[in-house]
Structures are given as structure tokens and as C-alpha cells.
């Protein structure tokens, strides 16, 4: 007989003192002729601290890392569903794992009852956050622990698979039918610019990559309207200056797209600008943290303030061919559903007005 995990939500990060979203399901497997009664207690506990220290040992004045509601009695089918697990304290951005165990009295060949201890394999990695601001750091720990599994290097292909999986989950897409998975172009960009096109990648290389991409993904996941803007392609993402400048030079003044900065964990607005003399030039504006303010001033509201930015380019990647297409949309038509209800005034904020203003001409 064996005690197994049939369902679990890990690897994942969870919020301190909040119920884990999906249950852990434990099942007792026995032989066909077994007459073992399954009504026994299953107990879960923390067994692995992935930082290498015992989870019982904590810093001075720090409460121990424990899990609540981790005891259940199996039903008639030998199943226990832990649907109310909670962690009262954060794991201080460390990864942990759980295991579940039970004690049974079973008869031996002579009919004598013997005590038998059964344990499940350990769960996937869990990181308990004290607040959502820790999300991107917790996610980086999960990816590194699950992808590298203690190795100093892994293949680029394994790394790419884990990035894809966690990215789709982070952007709230369906794993089997995502609306916007990372494309082959996206992975070429990441491999070339962040991993030096190496076939084997190290933990330190991943750390450097995640310091850039983690905060960007955090913004897409948590800032208002950014996730639908991303999945619909109005945030173009993985494009370089060298790629976008030739495109924008052939566009009308006021045409723009939004991409990732190549070196900063921020969005960059690339646009075709002009002046009163009829001269045009492709310009790039690096967005600052105070350009948007959560729900009060979203990225769409920021763009709405600049009336001379009139045409937004949407990036679409064709399924099957992986061909990239940029589609032109009237800015206000494309972003109307994301604007705040109150009408914003024209650009007036200090610090970026002169950098992003586009002057039209005949």
C-alpha cells in the first residue's frame, strides 16, 4: 500500500493567512484484496526548507513557519482533501515543501497487528508571501527551485519551458490554450539578450534575467488593465530599438508602440515624432514609476493625455507560422475600454511632457 498525492496546486506562491486556492488531495492506495479500513488521520507538515536550513530554526523574534488546517480523516474511499490550508507566517522569501503521513495498524502474515507509517512524496515548492509586492521575487524562487532542482546549470530548453509555463500562469491564461503564449521570437530575444545564446544556463544568469523580467511580469499581472492590454498585443513587449525604428520611420507622425526597455524593468514608448519644419524622427520614452499610479492613473490614462499620439500599433503573432504582424489602430478606439470614466485633461505633468509630445504637420 502507498500514500500518494493525487492533486496539488504547487509549485506556487500563496499569501500569508489566506486559504490556498486549490486543495491538496491525498489518497491511500491498497491491494485489491486488502481489508484495511481507510478511516485514519492524515497529517501534513513542513519537511523541506529549500534554503538548506531546518524550518524549525528561525531568526530571533521570528515565529516558526507552520501550516494550519493540515489534519484530515480519510473518507470511505481512502481520500483526504486539504481544502483549507493556511500559512500564518511568511517564509521570508524561502521555498518550502510539505509532506503528508499516516499511521496504520495492519496484520502481518501471522495475523499480528503491526504499526505501519506511510508518507507521501513531498509537494512542489511553496513560497508564502506577506504581501503581493513580493510576488515577482517569490515567483523567481519557484522557477529556480523547480527548474534547476539543485543543479548549477540546466539546458536552455528546460529553462525556456519553465519560463513559458510560469508566464502563462502569471498572465492568467489557460495552460493548454493561451491567448498569447511567448513566441519563438520572444524566446530568441530572451536567449540572445539575457542568456548570451548559451546552450547551458546558470542560476546566476537566471537571477539577472529575472531581475529584469520579474518586475515587468509583476506589472502586467497586477496593474490595472495591463494584463488584457498585453494579451491583446497592445503591449508589444520583446522588441529592440533596432527593430522598431525602421518600422516607425515609414509610419505617420503620431504612430507609436509600447515595448520592454532592453535594460530597465520598465516600458518604453517608441514613436514617430515631428516638428513644425516637417522633420521627423523616431524617439523613445522610458516610462517612470510615477507616470502611472495604480487604479488612479493607468497606462491607458497616461496615453490618453497625449492627444498627438494618435495611432497605436498592435502586435499579433500568427499561430502556426509564428509570423509577426503590426496592425494600426486609432488610439482612442483601441484603448477606450481601458480609460477611466472621468475625462482626463491634456498632458500637463512635469517631467515627461517635452519628451513625449508629438507635433503634427501638413
Protein backbone atom coordinates (compact mmCIF):
# COMPACT_ATOMS: atom_id res chain seq x y z
CA UNK A 1 0.00 0.00 0.00
CA UNK A 2 1.06 3.60 -0.51
CA UNK A 3 0.04 7.14 0.37
CA UNK A 4 0.10 9.39 -2.70
CA UNK A 5 -0.66 12.95 -3.77
CA UNK A 6 -3.31 12.90 -6.50
CA UNK A 7 -3.72 16.67 -6.80
CA UNK A 8 -1.81 19.74 -5.60
CA UNK A 9 -1.55 23.43 -6.55
CA UNK A 10 2.22 23.61 -6.11
CA UNK A 11 4.73 24.89 -7.14
CA UNK A 12 3.10 28.19 -6.31
CA UNK A 13 3.28 31.20 -4.04
CA UNK A 14 0.50 31.85 -1.55
CA UNK A 15 -0.49 34.79 0.59
CA UNK A 16 0.12 34.69 4.32
CA UNK A 17 -3.06 33.89 6.31
CA UNK A 18 -5.09 33.26 3.15
CA UNK A 19 -6.55 29.90 2.17
CA UNK A 20 -4.62 28.10 -0.55
CA UNK A 21 -6.67 28.40 -3.75
CA UNK A 22 -6.80 24.71 -4.67
CA UNK A 23 -6.85 21.68 -2.36
CA UNK A 24 -4.15 19.09 -1.86
CA UNK A 25 -5.70 15.66 -2.31
CA UNK A 26 -4.11 12.63 -0.62
CA UNK A 27 -5.16 9.05 -1.32
CA UNK A 28 -4.40 5.68 0.27
CA UNK A 29 -3.71 3.01 -2.33
CA UNK A 30 -4.15 -0.62 -1.26
CA UNK A 31 -4.19 -4.02 -2.91
CA UNK A 32 -7.43 -5.38 -4.37
CA UNK A 33 -7.83 -7.94 -1.58
CA UNK A 34 -6.92 -5.57 1.25
CA UNK A 35 -9.44 -5.21 4.06
CA UNK A 36 -7.76 -2.11 5.55
CA UNK A 37 -10.30 0.41 6.80
CA UNK A 38 -9.25 3.84 5.47
CA UNK A 39 -10.66 5.99 8.27
CA UNK A 40 -7.33 7.17 9.64
CA UNK A 41 -5.86 10.59 10.24
CA UNK A 42 -3.61 12.22 7.63
CA UNK A 43 -1.23 14.88 8.93
CA UNK A 44 0.67 17.42 6.83
CA UNK A 45 3.86 19.13 7.88
CA UNK A 46 6.73 21.17 6.51
CA UNK A 47 9.61 18.86 5.74
CA UNK A 48 11.91 20.77 3.45
CA UNK A 49 13.34 24.24 3.69
CA UNK A 50 14.94 24.82 0.30
CA UNK A 51 17.38 27.36 1.69
CA UNK A 52 19.14 24.43 3.40
CA UNK A 53 18.06 25.24 6.95
CA UNK A 54 15.59 23.44 9.17
CA UNK A 55 12.18 25.18 9.06
CA UNK A 56 12.17 24.97 12.86
CA UNK A 57 15.12 27.33 13.07
CA UNK A 58 14.19 30.95 12.61
CA UNK A 59 15.73 34.33 13.24
CA UNK A 60 15.38 35.81 16.69
CA UNK A 61 11.84 37.01 17.43
CA UNK A 62 10.58 35.43 14.21
CA UNK A 63 7.65 32.99 14.57
CA UNK A 64 8.24 29.46 13.24
CA UNK A 65 6.99 28.56 9.76
CA UNK A 66 3.96 26.30 10.21
CA UNK A 67 0.90 25.19 8.25
CA UNK A 68 -2.65 25.32 9.63
CA UNK A 69 -5.64 23.00 8.96
CA UNK A 70 -3.26 20.22 7.95
CA UNK A 71 -5.10 17.31 9.62
CA UNK A 72 -7.88 15.34 7.94
CA UNK A 73 -9.54 11.93 8.31
CA UNK A 74 -9.79 9.88 5.13
CA UNK A 75 -13.23 9.10 3.77
CA UNK A 76 -14.57 5.65 2.77
CA UNK A 77 -12.61 5.79 -0.48
CA UNK A 78 -9.34 6.48 1.34
CA UNK A 79 -9.20 10.11 0.20
CA UNK A 80 -8.46 13.26 2.21
CA UNK A 81 -8.81 16.69 0.60
CA UNK A 82 -6.98 19.53 2.35
CA UNK A 83 -9.10 22.44 1.16
CA UNK A 84 -8.42 25.00 3.87
CA UNK A 85 -4.63 25.08 4.21
CA UNK A 86 -3.19 28.34 5.56
CA UNK A 87 0.25 29.60 6.45
CA UNK A 88 0.11 32.09 9.35
CA UNK A 89 3.59 33.47 8.64
CA UNK A 90 5.61 34.19 5.54
CA UNK A 91 8.58 32.05 4.57
CA UNK A 92 10.81 35.12 4.27
CA UNK A 93 11.19 34.52 0.54
CA UNK A 94 12.40 30.96 1.06
CA UNK A 95 11.00 27.89 -0.65
CA UNK A 96 9.47 25.10 1.42
CA UNK A 97 7.77 21.76 0.70
CA UNK A 98 5.16 19.71 2.52
CA UNK A 99 4.59 16.01 3.04
CA UNK A 100 1.62 14.07 4.43
CA UNK A 101 1.75 10.97 6.60
CA UNK A 102 -0.44 8.49 8.43
CA UNK A 103 -0.09 5.56 10.84
CA UNK A 104 -1.91 2.28 10.21
CA UNK A 105 -2.23 -0.95 12.12
CA UNK A 106 -2.01 -3.81 9.65
CA UNK A 107 -1.81 -7.56 10.22
CA UNK A 108 1.34 -9.44 9.28
CA UNK A 109 1.36 -12.99 7.85
CA UNK A 110 0.67 -14.44 11.27
CA UNK A 111 -2.24 -12.09 11.92
CA UNK A 112 -0.34 -9.97 14.44
CA UNK A 113 -1.14 -6.26 14.18
CA UNK A 114 1.84 -4.12 13.29
CA UNK A 115 2.22 -0.35 13.14
CA UNK A 116 2.92 0.97 9.63
CA UNK A 117 3.95 4.53 8.82
CA UNK A 118 3.15 5.82 5.34
CA UNK A 119 4.32 9.10 3.78
CA UNK A 120 3.60 10.89 0.53
CA UNK A 121 6.39 12.27 -1.65
CA UNK A 122 6.99 15.94 -0.92
CA UNK A 123 4.87 18.55 -2.65
CA UNK A 124 6.10 21.11 -5.13
CA UNK A 125 7.73 24.26 -3.84
CA UNK A 126 5.70 26.75 -1.79
CA UNK A 127 6.68 30.35 -1.06
CA UNK A 128 4.49 32.23 1.41
CA UNK A 129 4.29 35.97 0.69
CA UNK A 130 3.48 38.57 3.33
CA UNK A 131 2.13 40.87 0.60
CA UNK A 132 1.65 40.94 -3.18
CA UNK A 133 4.67 43.22 -3.64
CA UNK A 134 6.76 40.09 -3.06
CA UNK A 135 5.10 38.27 -5.95
CA UNK A 136 7.87 38.58 -8.54
CA UNK A 137 10.60 37.60 -6.08
CA UNK A 138 8.56 34.61 -4.90
CA UNK A 139 7.92 33.58 -8.50
CA UNK A 140 11.62 33.73 -9.28
CA UNK A 141 12.35 31.43 -6.34
CA UNK A 142 9.73 28.96 -7.56
CA UNK A 143 11.11 28.88 -11.10
CA UNK A 144 14.70 28.50 -9.95
CA UNK A 145 13.93 25.73 -7.46
CA UNK A 146 11.73 23.75 -9.84
CA UNK A 147 13.79 24.27 -13.00
CA UNK A 148 17.29 23.77 -11.58
CA UNK A 149 16.44 21.21 -8.86
CA UNK A 150 19.72 21.93 -7.10
CA UNK A 151 21.86 21.89 -10.26
CA UNK A 152 24.16 24.81 -11.01
CA UNK A 153 23.31 24.69 -14.75
CA UNK A 154 20.47 23.40 -16.91
CA UNK A 155 19.79 23.39 -20.64
CA UNK A 156 18.31 26.49 -22.23
CA UNK A 157 15.37 24.40 -23.47
CA UNK A 158 14.44 23.32 -19.95
CA UNK A 159 14.75 26.92 -18.79
CA UNK A 160 12.51 28.11 -21.63
CA UNK A 161 9.85 25.51 -20.82
CA UNK A 162 9.64 26.66 -17.20
CA UNK A 163 9.57 30.34 -18.17
CA UNK A 164 6.71 29.64 -20.60
CA UNK A 165 4.69 27.69 -18.04
CA UNK A 166 5.03 30.22 -15.22
CA UNK A 167 4.46 33.16 -17.60
CA UNK A 168 1.15 31.68 -18.81
CA UNK A 169 0.00 31.11 -15.22
CA UNK A 170 1.12 34.60 -14.19
CA UNK A 171 -0.86 36.24 -17.01
CA UNK A 172 -3.97 34.22 -16.09
CA UNK A 173 -4.16 32.33 -19.36
CA UNK A 174 -5.21 28.74 -19.92
CA UNK A 175 -2.19 26.43 -19.97
CA UNK A 176 -3.45 24.39 -22.93
CA UNK A 177 -4.95 27.23 -24.99
CA UNK A 178 -3.24 30.51 -24.04
CA UNK A 179 -4.30 33.62 -25.91
CA UNK A 180 -0.73 34.93 -26.09
CA UNK A 181 1.99 32.41 -25.28
CA UNK A 182 5.59 33.51 -25.56
CA UNK A 183 6.51 33.12 -29.22
CA UNK A 184 9.67 31.75 -30.79
CA UNK A 185 10.69 35.37 -31.43
CA UNK A 186 10.20 36.19 -27.75
CA UNK A 187 12.42 33.29 -26.74
CA UNK A 188 15.08 34.26 -29.30
CA UNK A 189 15.07 37.76 -27.80
CA UNK A 190 15.40 36.39 -24.25
CA UNK A 191 18.03 33.80 -25.20
CA UNK A 192 20.15 36.30 -27.12
CA UNK A 193 19.87 39.34 -24.85
CA UNK A 194 19.69 37.71 -21.40
CA UNK A 195 21.43 34.33 -21.72
CA UNK A 196 24.10 35.10 -24.37
CA UNK A 197 22.70 32.35 -26.65
CA UNK A 198 24.29 29.69 -24.43
CA UNK A 199 23.01 26.12 -24.60
CA UNK A 200 23.52 25.73 -20.83
CA UNK A 201 22.36 28.49 -18.49
CA UNK A 202 23.36 29.09 -14.89
CA UNK A 203 21.44 30.12 -11.80
CA UNK A 204 23.26 33.48 -11.78
CA UNK A 205 22.18 34.12 -15.38
CA UNK A 206 18.59 33.34 -14.45
CA UNK A 207 18.81 35.70 -11.45
CA UNK A 208 19.99 38.52 -13.72
CA UNK A 209 17.23 37.78 -16.25
CA UNK A 210 14.55 37.67 -13.55
CA UNK A 211 15.67 40.98 -12.04
CA UNK A 212 14.65 42.45 -15.40
CA UNK A 213 11.64 40.34 -16.42
CA UNK A 214 10.18 39.62 -12.97
CA UNK A 215 9.13 43.23 -12.25
CA UNK A 216 7.77 43.61 -15.81
CA UNK A 217 5.65 40.48 -15.41
CA UNK A 218 4.56 41.72 -11.98
CA UNK A 219 3.25 44.93 -13.55
CA UNK A 220 1.40 43.03 -16.27
CA UNK A 221 -0.17 40.73 -13.69
CA UNK A 222 -1.11 43.30 -11.04
CA UNK A 223 -1.51 46.76 -12.56
CA UNK A 224 -4.99 47.61 -13.70
CA UNK A 225 -5.78 46.74 -17.34
CA UNK A 226 -2.21 45.74 -18.21
CA UNK A 227 -2.98 42.03 -18.50
CA UNK A 228 -5.68 42.45 -21.19
CA UNK A 229 -3.56 45.07 -22.96
CA UNK A 230 -0.75 42.54 -23.03
CA UNK A 231 -2.75 39.51 -24.17
CA UNK A 232 -4.41 41.60 -26.91
CA UNK A 233 -1.00 42.74 -28.18
CA UNK A 234 -1.20 46.45 -27.42
CA UNK A 235 1.91 45.99 -25.28
CA UNK A 236 4.31 44.71 -27.93
CA UNK A 237 6.95 43.62 -25.43
CA UNK A 238 10.07 41.92 -26.76
CA UNK A 239 11.21 44.36 -29.46
CA UNK A 240 14.50 46.21 -29.70
CA UNK A 241 15.19 49.78 -30.81
CA UNK A 242 16.87 48.42 -33.92
CA UNK A 243 13.71 46.50 -34.85
CA UNK A 244 11.15 49.24 -34.27
CA UNK A 245 12.92 52.27 -35.71
CA UNK A 246 12.77 51.16 -39.38
CA UNK A 247 9.09 50.35 -38.93
CA UNK A 248 8.16 53.66 -37.35
CA UNK A 249 10.14 55.72 -39.89
CA UNK A 250 7.62 54.63 -42.52
CA UNK A 251 4.61 55.50 -40.36
CA UNK A 252 2.67 58.73 -39.92
CA UNK A 253 3.68 61.16 -37.22
CA UNK A 254 1.85 60.19 -34.04
CA UNK A 255 2.24 56.44 -34.57
CA UNK A 256 3.65 54.60 -31.55
CA UNK A 257 4.12 51.23 -29.91
CA UNK A 258 4.91 50.06 -26.39
CA UNK A 259 7.79 47.67 -25.79
CA UNK A 260 10.01 46.50 -22.95
CA UNK A 261 13.10 48.55 -22.22
CA UNK A 262 16.10 46.37 -23.03
CA UNK A 263 17.99 47.26 -19.84
CA UNK A 264 15.43 48.61 -17.35
CA UNK A 265 12.43 46.87 -15.80
CA UNK A 266 10.13 49.40 -17.43
CA UNK A 267 8.04 50.02 -20.54
CA UNK A 268 9.37 52.18 -23.35
CA UNK A 269 7.19 54.11 -25.79
CA UNK A 270 8.69 54.30 -29.28
CA UNK A 271 7.01 56.82 -31.58
CA UNK A 272 7.33 58.76 -34.80
CA UNK A 273 7.78 62.41 -33.88
CA UNK A 274 7.85 65.55 -35.95
CA UNK A 275 8.38 69.28 -35.67
CA UNK A 276 6.97 72.40 -37.31
CA UNK A 277 9.65 72.32 -40.01
CA UNK A 278 8.45 68.98 -41.31
CA UNK A 279 11.36 66.97 -39.93
CA UNK A 280 10.56 63.57 -38.43
CA UNK A 281 12.48 61.39 -36.03
CA UNK A 282 11.79 58.15 -34.18
CA UNK A 283 12.02 58.78 -30.46
CA UNK A 284 11.89 56.60 -27.36
CA UNK A 285 10.46 57.46 -23.98
CA UNK A 286 11.31 55.37 -20.91
CA UNK A 287 8.32 55.33 -18.58
CA UNK A 288 8.94 56.26 -14.96
CA UNK A 289 7.33 54.68 -11.92
CA UNK A 290 5.31 57.82 -11.13
CA UNK A 291 3.85 58.10 -14.65
CA UNK A 292 1.07 55.78 -13.53
CA UNK A 293 -0.49 55.46 -10.09
CA UNK A 294 -2.29 52.15 -9.80
CA UNK A 295 -6.02 52.44 -10.35
CA UNK A 296 -5.96 56.26 -10.20
CA UNK A 297 -3.87 56.71 -13.33
CA UNK A 298 -3.40 53.69 -15.55
CA UNK A 299 -1.17 53.25 -18.57
CA UNK A 300 -4.20 53.85 -20.80
CA UNK A 301 -4.93 57.13 -18.98
CA UNK A 302 -1.29 58.13 -19.36
CA UNK A 303 -1.50 57.58 -23.12
CA UNK A 304 -4.87 59.33 -23.40
CA UNK A 305 -3.40 62.59 -22.09
CA UNK A 306 -1.20 62.96 -25.16
CA UNK A 307 -3.57 63.83 -27.99
CA UNK A 308 -0.77 63.94 -30.56
CA UNK A 309 -0.12 60.23 -30.08
CA UNK A 310 -2.89 59.05 -32.34
CA UNK A 311 -2.13 55.61 -33.81
CA UNK A 312 -1.15 52.64 -31.69
CA UNK A 313 0.47 49.56 -33.21
CA UNK A 314 -0.78 46.17 -32.07
CA UNK A 315 1.48 43.13 -32.30
CA UNK A 316 -0.12 39.89 -33.50
CA UNK A 317 1.74 36.62 -33.90
CA UNK A 318 0.13 34.20 -36.34
CA UNK A 319 -0.42 30.72 -34.97
CA UNK A 320 1.38 28.07 -36.98
CA UNK A 321 3.69 30.37 -38.95
CA UNK A 322 4.82 32.47 -35.95
CA UNK A 323 4.79 35.46 -38.31
CA UNK A 324 4.63 38.83 -36.52
CA UNK A 325 2.23 41.47 -37.80
CA UNK A 326 1.83 45.05 -36.61
CA UNK A 327 -1.70 46.39 -37.00
CA UNK A 328 -2.60 50.08 -36.88
CA UNK A 329 -5.45 51.24 -34.62
CA UNK A 330 -6.80 54.63 -33.70
CA UNK A 331 -5.54 55.05 -30.15
CA UNK A 332 -8.82 56.19 -28.59
CA UNK A 333 -10.77 53.43 -30.34
CA UNK A 334 -8.34 50.73 -29.24
CA UNK A 335 -7.98 51.93 -25.64
CA UNK A 336 -11.48 53.30 -24.95
CA UNK A 337 -12.49 50.33 -22.77
CA UNK A 338 -9.42 50.87 -20.60
CA UNK A 339 -9.81 54.62 -20.00
CA UNK A 340 -11.06 55.86 -16.64
CA UNK A 341 -14.62 57.16 -16.74
CA UNK A 342 -13.69 60.74 -15.95
CA UNK A 343 -12.19 62.62 -18.88
CA UNK A 344 -8.52 63.34 -18.41
CA UNK A 345 -7.02 66.69 -19.19
CA UNK A 346 -4.33 67.20 -21.80
CA UNK A 347 -0.75 66.44 -20.83
CA UNK A 348 0.39 68.68 -18.02
CA UNK A 349 2.52 66.53 -15.73
CA UNK A 350 6.09 67.72 -15.22
CA UNK A 351 9.00 65.55 -16.30
CA UNK A 352 7.75 63.95 -19.48
CA UNK A 353 5.71 66.47 -21.46
CA UNK A 354 8.60 67.67 -23.60
CA UNK A 355 9.97 64.18 -24.15
CA UNK A 356 6.81 62.58 -25.50
CA UNK A 357 4.97 65.39 -27.26
CA UNK A 358 4.42 64.80 -30.98
CA UNK A 359 3.84 67.78 -33.28
CA UNK A 360 1.79 67.16 -36.40
CA UNK A 361 2.40 68.96 -39.65
CA UNK A 362 0.90 69.26 -43.14
